[in-house]
């Protein structure tokens, strides 16, 4: 099993959710977050003054999936979240040792 954590632009969330459903990744958790990457934020002008916004609003998507669909899930996120500009986000993949479904006590792949 793999844990996917993706940080994406907030406005791309609906497209990513739709793309994940198409590759049979339906169970996700979404959190609104703030962060910055290589661009270190953006500079805005307001009433003749410049100021830097260094923590930009983003969305974090969290899911745990079967190993077999890993590449499909990554491709779905990239294709639906990508704008080609700085700040499109990142995907982190981690191994998951165990999953337990609380309601049924199922474990491992059966719990997904």
Protein backbone atom coordinates (compact mmCIF):
# COMPACT_ATOMS: atom_id res chain seq x y z
CA UNK A 1 0.00 0.00 0.00
CA UNK A 2 1.11 3.55 -0.72
CA UNK A 3 0.25 6.85 0.89
CA UNK A 4 -0.10 9.74 -1.53
CA UNK A 5 0.13 13.31 -0.29
CA UNK A 6 -0.31 15.92 -3.01
CA UNK A 7 -0.06 19.68 -2.56
CA UNK A 8 -1.85 21.46 -5.42
CA UNK A 9 -3.38 24.79 -6.40
CA UNK A 10 -6.76 25.32 -4.75
CA UNK A 11 -8.48 26.05 -8.06
CA UNK A 12 -7.43 22.66 -9.49
CA UNK A 13 -9.12 20.60 -6.74
CA UNK A 14 -12.31 19.75 -8.65
CA UNK A 15 -10.35 18.62 -11.71
CA UNK A 16 -8.08 16.44 -9.55
CA UNK A 17 -11.04 14.88 -7.69
CA UNK A 18 -12.70 14.00 -11.02
CA UNK A 19 -9.47 12.54 -12.39
CA UNK A 20 -8.90 10.43 -9.26
CA UNK A 21 -12.42 8.97 -9.45
CA UNK A 22 -11.72 7.83 -13.02
CA UNK A 23 -8.73 5.76 -11.84
CA UNK A 24 -10.69 4.20 -8.97
CA UNK A 25 -9.23 6.39 -6.23
CA UNK A 26 -12.35 7.60 -4.46
CA UNK A 27 -11.34 7.88 -0.79
CA UNK A 28 -9.46 11.13 -0.22
CA UNK A 29 -8.97 13.63 2.57
CA UNK A 30 -8.59 17.30 1.63
CA UNK A 31 -7.09 20.01 3.81
CA UNK A 32 -6.61 23.70 3.07
CA UNK A 33 -2.99 24.62 3.73
CA UNK A 34 -0.58 27.48 3.11
CA UNK A 35 2.93 27.13 1.83
CA UNK A 36 5.63 28.19 -0.55
CA UNK A 37 8.01 26.48 -2.89
CA UNK A 38 10.89 27.59 -5.03
CA UNK A 39 9.12 30.82 -6.02
CA UNK A 40 9.12 31.95 -2.35
CA UNK A 41 5.69 33.52 -2.71
CA UNK A 42 4.51 36.36 -4.93
CA UNK A 43 4.89 40.14 -4.95
CA UNK A 44 1.63 42.11 -5.15
CA UNK A 45 1.07 45.83 -5.65
CA UNK A 46 -1.69 47.59 -3.74
CA UNK A 47 -2.23 51.36 -3.88
CA UNK A 48 1.28 51.96 -5.11
CA UNK A 49 3.01 49.81 -2.51
CA UNK A 50 4.59 46.43 -3.11
CA UNK A 51 4.33 43.65 -0.60
CA UNK A 52 5.28 40.00 -0.64
CA UNK A 53 2.87 37.17 0.11
CA UNK A 54 5.22 34.35 1.05
CA UNK A 55 2.68 31.72 2.12
CA UNK A 56 0.20 30.97 -0.64
CA UNK A 57 -3.08 29.08 -0.20
CA UNK A 58 -2.88 25.48 -1.41
CA UNK A 59 -4.84 22.25 -1.00
CA UNK A 60 -3.38 19.05 0.42
CA UNK A 61 -4.89 15.78 -0.80
CA UNK A 62 -4.21 12.64 1.22
CA UNK A 63 -5.08 9.07 0.22
CA UNK A 64 -3.87 5.51 0.70
CA UNK A 65 -4.05 3.24 -2.35
CA UNK A 66 -3.21 -0.24 -3.60
CA UNK A 67 0.28 -0.50 -5.12
CA UNK A 68 -1.16 -1.53 -8.51
CA UNK A 69 -2.77 1.86 -9.18
CA UNK A 70 0.14 4.04 -8.04
CA UNK A 71 1.23 5.18 -11.50
CA UNK A 72 -2.38 5.79 -12.60
CA UNK A 73 -3.00 7.96 -9.53
CA UNK A 74 0.21 9.95 -10.04
CA UNK A 75 -0.60 10.49 -13.73
CA UNK A 76 -4.16 11.56 -12.89
CA UNK A 77 -2.95 14.15 -10.37
CA UNK A 78 -0.23 15.52 -12.63
CA UNK A 79 -2.42 15.77 -15.73
CA UNK A 80 -5.31 17.44 -13.89
CA UNK A 81 -3.31 19.76 -11.59
CA UNK A 82 -0.62 20.92 -14.00
CA UNK A 83 -0.81 24.49 -15.32
CA UNK A 84 2.82 24.79 -16.39
CA UNK A 85 3.51 27.69 -14.02
CA UNK A 86 5.50 27.83 -10.79
CA UNK A 87 3.45 26.70 -7.83
CA UNK A 88 1.67 23.72 -9.43
CA UNK A 89 2.64 21.62 -6.42
CA UNK A 90 4.23 18.32 -5.51
CA UNK A 91 3.28 14.68 -4.93
CA UNK A 92 4.85 12.68 -2.11
CA UNK A 93 4.67 8.87 -2.05
CA UNK A 94 5.29 6.81 1.10
CA UNK A 95 4.96 3.16 2.04
CA UNK A 96 2.15 2.21 4.41
CA UNK A 97 2.79 -0.72 6.73
CA UNK A 98 -0.75 -1.30 7.96
CA UNK A 99 -4.31 -0.04 7.60
CA UNK A 100 -7.19 -0.95 9.93
CA UNK A 101 -10.81 -0.13 9.10
CA UNK A 102 -12.33 0.92 12.41
CA UNK A 103 -15.91 -0.14 11.65
CA UNK A 104 -15.11 -3.74 10.61
CA UNK A 105 -11.60 -4.25 12.00
CA UNK A 106 -10.45 -5.35 8.52
CA UNK A 107 -6.71 -5.00 8.03
CA UNK A 108 -4.28 -4.48 5.17
CA UNK A 109 -5.54 -4.35 1.57
CA UNK A 110 -9.02 -5.46 2.70
CA UNK A 111 -9.31 -2.29 4.77
CA UNK A 112 -8.90 -0.07 1.73
